[in-house]
Amino acid sequence: MSKSNSKLFNKKDLLAYFLIAGTGAIVQLVAGGLIKDWFKVSYEESILPAYYISLVVGFILTKLFAFNARQSQQTRREMIKFLMVASFSGFVTWFFSVLPYRGLNTIMRDFYWQIPYSVKKINLTQVLTTINGMGFSFVSNYVLHKSFTFKSSGFYDRFKDLIR
């Protein structure tokens, strides 16, 4: 393993990011279910709004606990870069959630699980395909946040000069 790879995939950062991403995943799954139920939108339409709700939780937790960025004094810069990376990864999540879901729907019906002592049924097919999309998003988010968002690259300064 090369020195750059060991820095990118060190155990401490990877474990911290995995726990943070797990928290974000739970927020995204709950938010997606609530959005579908409350606003009567389709599964496909609920993925991105739920992702962006979990993004807020993800930024705060990532800033505080992953990549040693708590004391960076560059929160605004990191927020902009985080939003850019997260927007890309949101579409990764959507693509790798919707494509398998549509594929599965062509060969089988959805599987549901009813919460005990409740009228709420959870579509397990949608949950599993969402988790699939989150897995792909996790990889892109980790690599891009570690190597771009929470690393001083000069990009933010060039971007700021461009929009002035």
N, C-alpha and C. Protein backbone atom coordinates (compact mmCIF):
# COMPACT_ATOMS: atom_id res chain seq x y z
N MET A 1 0.85 -1.18 0.00
CA MET A 1 0.00 0.00 0.00
C MET A 1 0.89 1.23 0.00
N SER A 2 0.62 2.15 -0.90
CA SER A 2 1.44 3.36 -0.99
C SER A 2 1.12 4.31 0.15
N LYS A 3 2.03 5.26 0.34
CA LYS A 3 1.86 6.23 1.41
C LYS A 3 0.57 7.05 1.23
N SER A 4 0.25 7.45 -0.02
CA SER A 4 -0.96 8.25 -0.25
C SER A 4 -2.22 7.44 0.03
N ASN A 5 -2.20 6.13 -0.30
CA ASN A 5 -3.35 5.29 0.00
C ASN A 5 -3.53 5.11 1.49
N SER A 6 -2.44 4.94 2.22
CA SER A 6 -2.58 4.74 3.66
C SER A 6 -3.11 6.00 4.32
N LYS A 7 -2.76 7.16 3.80
CA LYS A 7 -3.30 8.40 4.35
C LYS A 7 -4.79 8.54 4.02
N LEU A 8 -5.18 8.16 2.81
CA LEU A 8 -6.57 8.28 2.40
C LEU A 8 -7.46 7.30 3.17
N PHE A 9 -7.01 6.09 3.34
CA PHE A 9 -7.83 5.06 3.98
C PHE A 9 -7.27 4.64 5.33
N ASN A 10 -6.98 5.62 6.21
CA ASN A 10 -6.51 5.23 7.53
C ASN A 10 -7.69 4.77 8.38
N LYS A 11 -7.41 3.84 9.29
CA LYS A 11 -8.48 3.17 10.06
C LYS A 11 -9.30 4.14 10.92
N LYS A 12 -8.65 5.07 11.56
CA LYS A 12 -9.35 5.99 12.46
C LYS A 12 -10.37 6.83 11.70
N ASP A 13 -9.95 7.47 10.60
CA ASP A 13 -10.87 8.29 9.82
C ASP A 13 -11.98 7.45 9.20
N LEU A 14 -11.62 6.28 8.69
CA LEU A 14 -12.62 5.42 8.05
C LEU A 14 -13.67 4.96 9.05
N LEU A 15 -13.25 4.56 10.25
CA LEU A 15 -14.21 4.13 11.28
C LEU A 15 -15.10 5.30 11.72
N ALA A 16 -14.49 6.46 11.98
CA ALA A 16 -15.27 7.63 12.39
C ALA A 16 -16.27 8.00 11.30
N TYR A 17 -15.82 8.00 10.05
CA TYR A 17 -16.71 8.37 8.95
C TYR A 17 -17.82 7.32 8.79
N PHE A 18 -17.51 6.05 8.97
CA PHE A 18 -18.51 5.00 8.85
C PHE A 18 -19.62 5.19 9.90
N LEU A 19 -19.24 5.50 11.13
CA LEU A 19 -20.24 5.72 12.19
C LEU A 19 -21.09 6.96 11.90
N ILE A 20 -20.45 8.01 11.41
CA ILE A 20 -21.18 9.23 11.05
C ILE A 20 -22.12 8.96 9.88
N ALA A 21 -21.61 8.24 8.87
CA ALA A 21 -22.45 7.91 7.71
C ALA A 21 -23.62 7.03 8.12
N GLY A 22 -23.41 6.15 9.10
CA GLY A 22 -24.49 5.31 9.60
C GLY A 22 -25.60 6.14 10.23
N THR A 23 -25.20 7.16 10.98
CA THR A 23 -26.18 8.07 11.56
C THR A 23 -26.95 8.80 10.45
N GLY A 24 -26.21 9.28 9.45
CA GLY A 24 -26.84 9.95 8.32
C GLY A 24 -27.77 9.02 7.55
N ALA A 25 -27.38 7.74 7.44
CA ALA A 25 -28.21 6.77 6.73
C ALA A 25 -29.54 6.56 7.45
N ILE A 26 -29.48 6.47 8.77
CA ILE A 26 -30.72 6.32 9.54
C ILE A 26 -31.62 7.54 9.35
N VAL A 27 -31.03 8.73 9.42
CA VAL A 27 -31.80 9.97 9.21
C VAL A 27 -32.41 9.95 7.81
N GLN A 28 -31.63 9.54 6.81
CA GLN A 28 -32.13 9.52 5.44
C GLN A 28 -33.27 8.51 5.26
N LEU A 29 -33.13 7.33 5.83
CA LEU A 29 -34.20 6.32 5.71
C LEU A 29 -35.49 6.79 6.38
N VAL A 30 -35.37 7.34 7.58
CA VAL A 30 -36.56 7.83 8.29
C VAL A 30 -37.18 9.01 7.54
N ALA A 31 -36.34 9.96 7.13
CA ALA A 31 -36.85 11.13 6.40
C ALA A 31 -37.52 10.71 5.09
N GLY A 32 -36.92 9.76 4.39
CA GLY A 32 -37.52 9.29 3.12
C GLY A 32 -38.89 8.68 3.34
N GLY A 33 -39.03 7.87 4.39
CA GLY A 33 -40.33 7.28 4.69
C GLY A 33 -41.36 8.33 5.06
N LEU A 34 -40.94 9.29 5.88
CA LEU A 34 -41.88 10.35 6.27
C LEU A 34 -42.27 11.22 5.07
N ILE A 35 -41.31 11.54 4.23
CA ILE A 35 -41.61 12.35 3.04
C ILE A 35 -42.61 11.63 2.15
N LYS A 36 -42.39 10.33 1.92
CA LYS A 36 -43.33 9.56 1.09
C LYS A 36 -44.73 9.56 1.69
N ASP A 37 -44.81 9.35 3.00
CA ASP A 37 -46.12 9.26 3.67
C ASP A 37 -46.80 10.63 3.76
N TRP A 38 -46.08 11.64 4.20
CA TRP A 38 -46.68 12.95 4.44
C TRP A 38 -47.01 13.70 3.17
N PHE A 39 -46.13 13.61 2.18
CA PHE A 39 -46.32 14.41 0.96
C PHE A 39 -46.82 13.59 -0.22
N LYS A 40 -47.06 12.31 0.02
CA LYS A 40 -47.62 11.43 -1.01
C LYS A 40 -46.82 11.51 -2.32
N VAL A 41 -45.50 11.36 -2.21
CA VAL A 41 -44.65 11.35 -3.39
C VAL A 41 -44.14 9.93 -3.60
N SER A 42 -43.59 9.68 -4.78
CA SER A 42 -43.09 8.35 -5.10
C SER A 42 -41.76 8.09 -4.39
N TYR A 43 -41.37 6.84 -4.41
CA TYR A 43 -40.07 6.45 -3.85
C TYR A 43 -38.95 7.26 -4.49
N GLU A 44 -38.95 7.33 -5.81
CA GLU A 44 -37.90 8.05 -6.53
C GLU A 44 -37.86 9.53 -6.15
N GLU A 45 -39.02 10.14 -5.93
CA GLU A 45 -39.09 11.55 -5.57
C GLU A 45 -38.69 11.83 -4.13
N SER A 46 -38.69 10.81 -3.30
CA SER A 46 -38.37 11.01 -1.88
C SER A 46 -36.87 10.89 -1.58
N ILE A 47 -36.10 10.32 -2.48
CA ILE A 47 -34.69 10.02 -2.20
C ILE A 47 -33.86 11.29 -2.00
N LEU A 48 -33.90 12.21 -2.95
CA LEU A 48 -33.05 13.41 -2.86
C LEU A 48 -33.43 14.34 -1.70
N PRO A 49 -34.72 14.62 -1.46
CA PRO A 49 -35.02 15.46 -0.28
C PRO A 49 -34.54 14.82 1.03
N ALA A 50 -34.71 13.52 1.16
CA ALA A 50 -34.25 12.83 2.36
C ALA A 50 -32.72 12.89 2.46
N TYR A 51 -32.07 12.76 1.32
CA TYR A 51 -30.60 12.84 1.30
C TYR A 51 -30.14 14.22 1.78
N TYR A 52 -30.79 15.27 1.32
CA TYR A 52 -30.37 16.62 1.71
C TYR A 52 -30.69 16.92 3.18
N ILE A 53 -31.72 16.30 3.73
CA ILE A 53 -31.97 16.43 5.17
C ILE A 53 -30.83 15.77 5.95
N SER A 54 -30.43 14.59 5.52
CA SER A 54 -29.33 13.89 6.21
C SER A 54 -28.00 14.59 6.00
N LEU A 55 -27.88 15.37 4.95
CA LEU A 55 -26.66 16.11 4.66
C LEU A 55 -26.32 17.09 5.78
N VAL A 56 -27.32 17.75 6.34
CA VAL A 56 -27.09 18.70 7.44
C VAL A 56 -26.49 17.97 8.64
N VAL A 57 -27.08 16.86 9.00
CA VAL A 57 -26.57 16.06 10.11
C VAL A 57 -25.15 15.58 9.79
N GLY A 58 -24.97 15.14 8.56
CA GLY A 58 -23.66 14.64 8.13
C GLY A 58 -22.57 15.68 8.21
N PHE A 59 -22.86 16.90 7.78
CA PHE A 59 -21.82 17.94 7.82
C PHE A 59 -21.41 18.22 9.26
N ILE A 60 -22.37 18.41 10.12
CA ILE A 60 -22.06 18.74 11.52
C ILE A 60 -21.23 17.64 12.16
N LEU A 61 -21.67 16.40 12.00
CA LEU A 61 -20.94 15.29 12.61
C LEU A 61 -19.57 15.07 11.98
N THR A 62 -19.48 15.22 10.66
CA THR A 62 -18.19 15.06 9.98
C THR A 62 -17.22 16.14 10.43
N LYS A 63 -17.70 17.36 10.51
CA LYS A 63 -16.86 18.48 10.94
C LYS A 63 -16.33 18.24 12.36
N LEU A 64 -17.19 17.73 13.24
CA LEU A 64 -16.80 17.55 14.63
C LEU A 64 -15.95 16.30 14.88
N PHE A 65 -16.22 15.21 14.16
CA PHE A 65 -15.62 13.94 14.56
C PHE A 65 -14.75 13.24 13.52
N ALA A 66 -14.79 13.63 12.28
CA ALA A 66 -13.99 12.93 11.27
C ALA A 66 -12.97 13.88 10.65
N PHE A 67 -11.90 13.33 10.17
CA PHE A 67 -10.88 14.04 9.40
C PHE A 67 -10.18 15.15 10.17
N ASN A 68 -10.23 15.14 11.48
CA ASN A 68 -9.54 16.15 12.30
C ASN A 68 -9.82 17.57 11.83
N ALA A 69 -11.08 17.88 11.55
CA ALA A 69 -11.45 19.19 11.00
C ALA A 69 -12.13 20.09 12.02
N ARG A 70 -12.23 19.67 13.26
CA ARG A 70 -12.95 20.43 14.28
C ARG A 70 -12.36 21.82 14.48
N GLN A 71 -11.06 21.96 14.49
CA GLN A 71 -10.40 23.23 14.78
C GLN A 71 -9.87 23.92 13.53
N SER A 72 -10.39 23.59 12.37
CA SER A 72 -9.81 24.09 11.11
C SER A 72 -10.03 25.58 10.89
N GLN A 73 -11.02 26.19 11.52
CA GLN A 73 -11.34 27.61 11.33
C GLN A 73 -11.70 27.93 9.87
N GLN A 74 -12.19 26.94 9.14
CA GLN A 74 -12.56 27.14 7.74
C GLN A 74 -13.94 26.56 7.46
N THR A 75 -14.86 26.77 8.39
CA THR A 75 -16.17 26.13 8.29
C THR A 75 -16.93 26.56 7.03
N ARG A 76 -16.92 27.84 6.70
CA ARG A 76 -17.65 28.30 5.50
C ARG A 76 -17.09 27.62 4.25
N ARG A 77 -15.79 27.60 4.15
CA ARG A 77 -15.11 26.96 3.01
C ARG A 77 -15.48 25.48 2.96
N GLU A 78 -15.44 24.82 4.09
CA GLU A 78 -15.76 23.40 4.14
C GLU A 78 -17.23 23.15 3.82
N MET A 79 -18.12 24.07 4.24
CA MET A 79 -19.55 23.91 3.94
C MET A 79 -19.79 23.95 2.43
N ILE A 80 -19.17 24.87 1.74
CA ILE A 80 -19.35 24.98 0.29
C ILE A 80 -18.82 23.74 -0.41
N LYS A 81 -17.62 23.32 -0.03
CA LYS A 81 -17.04 22.13 -0.64
C LYS A 81 -17.85 20.89 -0.28
N PHE A 82 -18.34 20.82 0.96
CA PHE A 82 -19.17 19.70 1.40
C PHE A 82 -20.44 19.62 0.55
N LEU A 83 -21.06 20.76 0.32
CA LEU A 83 -22.29 20.80 -0.48
C LEU A 83 -22.03 20.34 -1.91
N MET A 84 -20.91 20.75 -2.47
CA MET A 84 -20.57 20.32 -3.83
C MET A 84 -20.40 18.80 -3.90
N VAL A 85 -19.61 18.26 -2.98
CA VAL A 85 -19.37 16.82 -2.95
C VAL A 85 -20.67 16.07 -2.66
N ALA A 86 -21.41 16.55 -1.68
CA ALA A 86 -22.65 15.89 -1.29
C ALA A 86 -23.69 15.93 -2.41
N SER A 87 -23.72 17.00 -3.18
CA SER A 87 -24.66 17.07 -4.31
C SER A 87 -24.33 15.98 -5.33
N PHE A 88 -23.05 15.84 -5.64
CA PHE A 88 -22.64 14.76 -6.56
C PHE A 88 -23.04 13.40 -5.97
N SER A 89 -22.73 13.19 -4.69
CA SER A 89 -23.03 11.91 -4.06
C SER A 89 -24.53 11.69 -3.88
N GLY A 90 -25.31 12.76 -3.79
CA GLY A 90 -26.76 12.61 -3.74
C GLY A 90 -27.29 11.98 -5.02
N PHE A 91 -26.73 12.40 -6.14
CA PHE A 91 -27.15 11.79 -7.40
C PHE A 91 -26.62 10.36 -7.54
N VAL A 92 -25.46 10.07 -6.96
CA VAL A 92 -24.97 8.69 -6.90
C VAL A 92 -25.96 7.85 -6.10
N THR A 93 -26.39 8.36 -4.96
CA THR A 93 -27.38 7.65 -4.14
C THR A 93 -28.66 7.40 -4.93
N TRP A 94 -29.16 8.45 -5.57
CA TRP A 94 -30.42 8.32 -6.32
C TRP A 94 -30.27 7.28 -7.43
N PHE A 95 -29.21 7.37 -8.21
CA PHE A 95 -29.00 6.47 -9.35
C PHE A 95 -28.91 5.01 -8.90
N PHE A 96 -28.08 4.75 -7.88
CA PHE A 96 -27.87 3.38 -7.43
C PHE A 96 -28.97 2.88 -6.49
N SER A 97 -29.97 3.72 -6.23
CA SER A 97 -31.17 3.28 -5.51
C SER A 97 -32.28 2.99 -6.51
N VAL A 98 -32.49 3.92 -7.43
CA VAL A 98 -33.61 3.82 -8.37
C VAL A 98 -33.37 2.75 -9.44
N LEU A 99 -32.18 2.69 -10.00
CA LEU A 99 -31.90 1.71 -11.05
C LEU A 99 -32.14 0.27 -10.58
N PRO A 100 -31.58 -0.14 -9.44
CA PRO A 100 -31.87 -1.51 -8.98
C PRO A 100 -33.34 -1.72 -8.61
N TYR A 101 -33.96 -0.68 -8.04
CA TYR A 101 -35.37 -0.81 -7.67
C TYR A 101 -36.24 -1.06 -8.90
N ARG A 102 -36.00 -0.28 -9.93
CA ARG A 102 -36.77 -0.47 -11.17
C ARG A 102 -36.48 -1.83 -11.79
N GLY A 103 -35.22 -2.25 -11.73
CA GLY A 103 -34.87 -3.57 -12.26
C GLY A 103 -35.55 -4.69 -11.50
N LEU A 104 -35.55 -4.59 -10.18
CA LEU A 104 -36.21 -5.61 -9.36
C LEU A 104 -37.72 -5.63 -9.62
N ASN A 105 -38.31 -4.46 -9.82
CA ASN A 105 -39.76 -4.39 -10.06
C ASN A 105 -40.16 -5.03 -11.38
N THR A 106 -39.23 -5.20 -12.29
CA THR A 106 -39.57 -5.87 -13.56
C THR A 106 -39.62 -7.39 -13.39
N ILE A 107 -38.97 -7.91 -12.35
CA ILE A 107 -38.93 -9.37 -12.18
C ILE A 107 -39.68 -9.87 -10.95
N MET A 108 -40.03 -8.97 -10.02
CA MET A 108 -40.73 -9.41 -8.81
C MET A 108 -41.50 -8.25 -8.20
N ARG A 109 -42.34 -8.57 -7.25
CA ARG A 109 -43.09 -7.53 -6.56
C ARG A 109 -42.34 -7.09 -5.32
N ASP A 110 -42.73 -5.97 -4.74
CA ASP A 110 -42.10 -5.46 -3.54
C ASP A 110 -42.41 -6.35 -2.34
N PHE A 111 -41.46 -6.40 -1.41
CA PHE A 111 -41.65 -7.12 -0.15
C PHE A 111 -41.89 -6.09 0.95
N TYR A 112 -42.85 -6.38 1.80
CA TYR A 112 -43.21 -5.46 2.88
C TYR A 112 -43.04 -6.16 4.24
N TRP A 113 -42.78 -5.36 5.25
CA TRP A 113 -42.74 -5.82 6.64
C TRP A 113 -43.61 -4.88 7.45
N GLN A 114 -44.56 -5.44 8.17
CA GLN A 114 -45.43 -4.63 9.02
C GLN A 114 -44.81 -4.51 10.40
N ILE A 115 -44.70 -3.27 10.86
CA ILE A 115 -44.17 -3.02 12.20
C ILE A 115 -45.15 -3.61 13.21
N PRO A 116 -44.65 -4.44 14.13
CA PRO A 116 -45.56 -5.06 15.12
C PRO A 116 -46.34 -4.00 15.90
N TYR A 117 -47.60 -4.30 16.12
CA TYR A 117 -48.52 -3.43 16.87
C TYR A 117 -48.72 -2.07 16.19
N SER A 118 -48.61 -2.05 14.88
CA SER A 118 -48.73 -0.81 14.11
C SER A 118 -49.43 -1.10 12.79
N VAL A 119 -49.94 -0.06 12.17
CA VAL A 119 -50.52 -0.21 10.84
C VAL A 119 -49.49 0.09 9.75
N LYS A 120 -48.31 0.54 10.15
CA LYS A 120 -47.26 0.94 9.20
C LYS A 120 -46.58 -0.27 8.59
N LYS A 121 -46.54 -0.31 7.26
CA LYS A 121 -45.81 -1.33 6.53
C LYS A 121 -44.59 -0.67 5.90
N ILE A 122 -43.47 -1.33 6.01
CA ILE A 122 -42.23 -0.82 5.44
C ILE A 122 -41.92 -1.62 4.18
N ASN A 123 -41.66 -0.91 3.10
CA ASN A 123 -41.30 -1.54 1.84
C ASN A 123 -39.83 -1.93 1.90
N LEU A 124 -39.57 -3.20 2.16
CA LEU A 124 -38.20 -3.68 2.31
C LEU A 124 -37.41 -3.60 1.01
N THR A 125 -38.07 -3.75 -0.11
CA THR A 125 -37.39 -3.63 -1.40
C THR A 125 -36.82 -2.23 -1.56
N GLN A 126 -37.60 -1.22 -1.21
CA GLN A 126 -37.11 0.16 -1.30
C GLN A 126 -36.01 0.43 -0.27
N VAL A 127 -36.15 -0.09 0.91
CA VAL A 127 -35.12 0.11 1.94
C VAL A 127 -33.80 -0.50 1.47
N LEU A 128 -33.85 -1.72 0.95
CA LEU A 128 -32.61 -2.39 0.52
C LEU A 128 -31.97 -1.70 -0.68
N THR A 129 -32.78 -1.24 -1.62
CA THR A 129 -32.17 -0.55 -2.77
C THR A 129 -31.64 0.83 -2.36
N THR A 130 -32.28 1.46 -1.38
CA THR A 130 -31.75 2.72 -0.85
C THR A 130 -30.41 2.48 -0.16
N ILE A 131 -30.31 1.42 0.61
CA ILE A 131 -29.05 1.09 1.27
C ILE A 131 -27.96 0.80 0.22
N ASN A 132 -28.34 0.16 -0.86
CA ASN A 132 -27.39 -0.06 -1.96
C ASN A 132 -26.87 1.28 -2.48
N GLY A 133 -27.77 2.22 -2.74
CA GLY A 133 -27.36 3.54 -3.21
C GLY A 133 -26.49 4.26 -2.18
N MET A 134 -26.83 4.10 -0.91
CA MET A 134 -26.02 4.72 0.15
C MET A 134 -24.61 4.14 0.19
N GLY A 135 -24.48 2.87 -0.11
CA GLY A 135 -23.15 2.24 -0.13
C GLY A 135 -22.26 2.86 -1.18
N PHE A 136 -22.80 3.05 -2.37
CA PHE A 136 -22.02 3.69 -3.43
C PHE A 136 -21.72 5.14 -3.07
N SER A 137 -22.68 5.81 -2.48
CA SER A 137 -22.49 7.20 -2.05
C SER A 137 -21.45 7.30 -0.94
N PHE A 138 -21.43 6.33 -0.04
CA PHE A 138 -20.46 6.32 1.05
C PHE A 138 -19.04 6.37 0.50
N VAL A 139 -18.77 5.55 -0.50
CA VAL A 139 -17.43 5.49 -1.07
C VAL A 139 -17.06 6.82 -1.72
N SER A 140 -17.96 7.36 -2.54
CA SER A 140 -17.64 8.63 -3.21
C SER A 140 -17.52 9.76 -2.19
N ASN A 141 -18.40 9.79 -1.20
CA ASN A 141 -18.34 10.83 -0.17
C ASN A 141 -17.04 10.75 0.62
N TYR A 142 -16.68 9.55 1.07
CA TYR A 142 -15.48 9.41 1.90
C TYR A 142 -14.25 9.91 1.15
N VAL A 143 -14.06 9.41 -0.05
CA VAL A 143 -12.86 9.77 -0.82
C VAL A 143 -12.84 11.27 -1.12
N LEU A 144 -13.96 11.82 -1.56
CA LEU A 144 -14.00 13.24 -1.91
C LEU A 144 -13.92 14.15 -0.69
N HIS A 145 -14.59 13.80 0.40
CA HIS A 145 -14.50 14.64 1.60
C HIS A 145 -13.09 14.59 2.19
N LYS A 146 -12.50 13.42 2.20
CA LYS A 146 -11.16 13.27 2.78
C LYS A 146 -10.12 14.00 1.93
N SER A 147 -10.24 13.91 0.61
CA SER A 147 -9.20 14.47 -0.26
C SER A 147 -9.52 15.87 -0.77
N PHE A 148 -10.75 16.36 -0.54
CA PHE A 148 -11.12 17.67 -1.09
C PHE A 148 -11.78 18.58 -0.06
N THR A 149 -12.89 18.14 0.52
CA THR A 149 -13.68 19.01 1.40
C THR A 149 -12.90 19.49 2.61
N PHE A 150 -12.31 18.57 3.33
CA PHE A 150 -11.64 18.92 4.59
C PHE A 150 -10.12 18.97 4.42
N LYS A 151 -9.70 19.32 3.22
CA LYS A 151 -8.28 19.49 2.93
C LYS A 151 -8.14 20.82 2.20
N SER A 152 -7.18 21.60 2.59
CA SER A 152 -6.97 22.88 1.92
C SER A 152 -6.36 22.62 0.56
N SER A 153 -7.12 22.92 -0.49
CA SER A 153 -6.66 22.64 -1.85
C SER A 153 -6.50 23.89 -2.69
N GLY A 154 -6.92 25.04 -2.17
CA GLY A 154 -6.87 26.27 -2.95
C GLY A 154 -8.10 26.46 -3.83
N PHE A 155 -8.94 25.41 -3.93
CA PHE A 155 -10.12 25.47 -4.79
C PHE A 155 -11.08 26.56 -4.33
N TYR A 156 -11.33 26.60 -3.02
CA TYR A 156 -12.29 27.56 -2.49
C TYR A 156 -11.88 28.99 -2.83
N ASP A 157 -10.61 29.31 -2.67
CA ASP A 157 -10.15 30.66 -2.98
C ASP A 157 -10.33 30.99 -4.47
N ARG A 158 -10.01 30.03 -5.34
CA ARG A 158 -10.21 30.25 -6.78
C ARG A 158 -11.68 30.41 -7.11
N PHE A 159 -12.55 29.59 -6.47
CA PHE A 159 -14.00 29.67 -6.70
C PHE A 159 -14.54 31.00 -6.23
N LYS A 160 -14.10 31.45 -5.06
CA LYS A 160 -14.55 32.74 -4.50
C LYS A 160 -14.14 33.88 -5.43
N ASP A 161 -12.93 33.84 -5.96
CA ASP A 161 -12.48 34.88 -6.89
C ASP A 161 -13.31 34.86 -8.17
N LEU A 162 -13.70 33.68 -8.60
CA LEU A 162 -14.48 33.54 -9.83
C LEU A 162 -15.85 34.17 -9.70
N ILE A 163 -16.51 34.04 -8.54
CA ILE A 163 -17.87 34.56 -8.38
C ILE A 163 -17.92 36.02 -7.98
N ARG A 164 -16.78 36.62 -7.74
CA ARG A 164 -16.76 38.05 -7.38
C ARG A 164 -16.94 38.92 -8.59
